[in-house]
Amino acid sequence: MRKYLPIGTVVLLKNGDKPIMIFGKNQICVKNNEIFDYVACLFPEGNISSDFNIFFNEDDIEKIIFRGLET
């Protein structure tokens, strides 16, 4: 079974200039029906609306800034 980063993890994407916070794993982007490892929102702003959701895969992560709660 695949091990995803925990919800609440804050990352910086490659070529990114602002941190984002993961709030979902194994997500489908309804705009193109593509499956991504994660969905995130801007940090520290939070989830403004679905128009600002950021879908990405593990390979897109440059740096983990903060690791969310692991159970």
Foldseek 3Di string as FASTA:
>chain_A
DDDDFDFQWWFAFVVGDFIWGWHDAQDADPVVRDTAGTWTATPPVGDPDPVRIDGHHPVRTDGTPGGDDDD
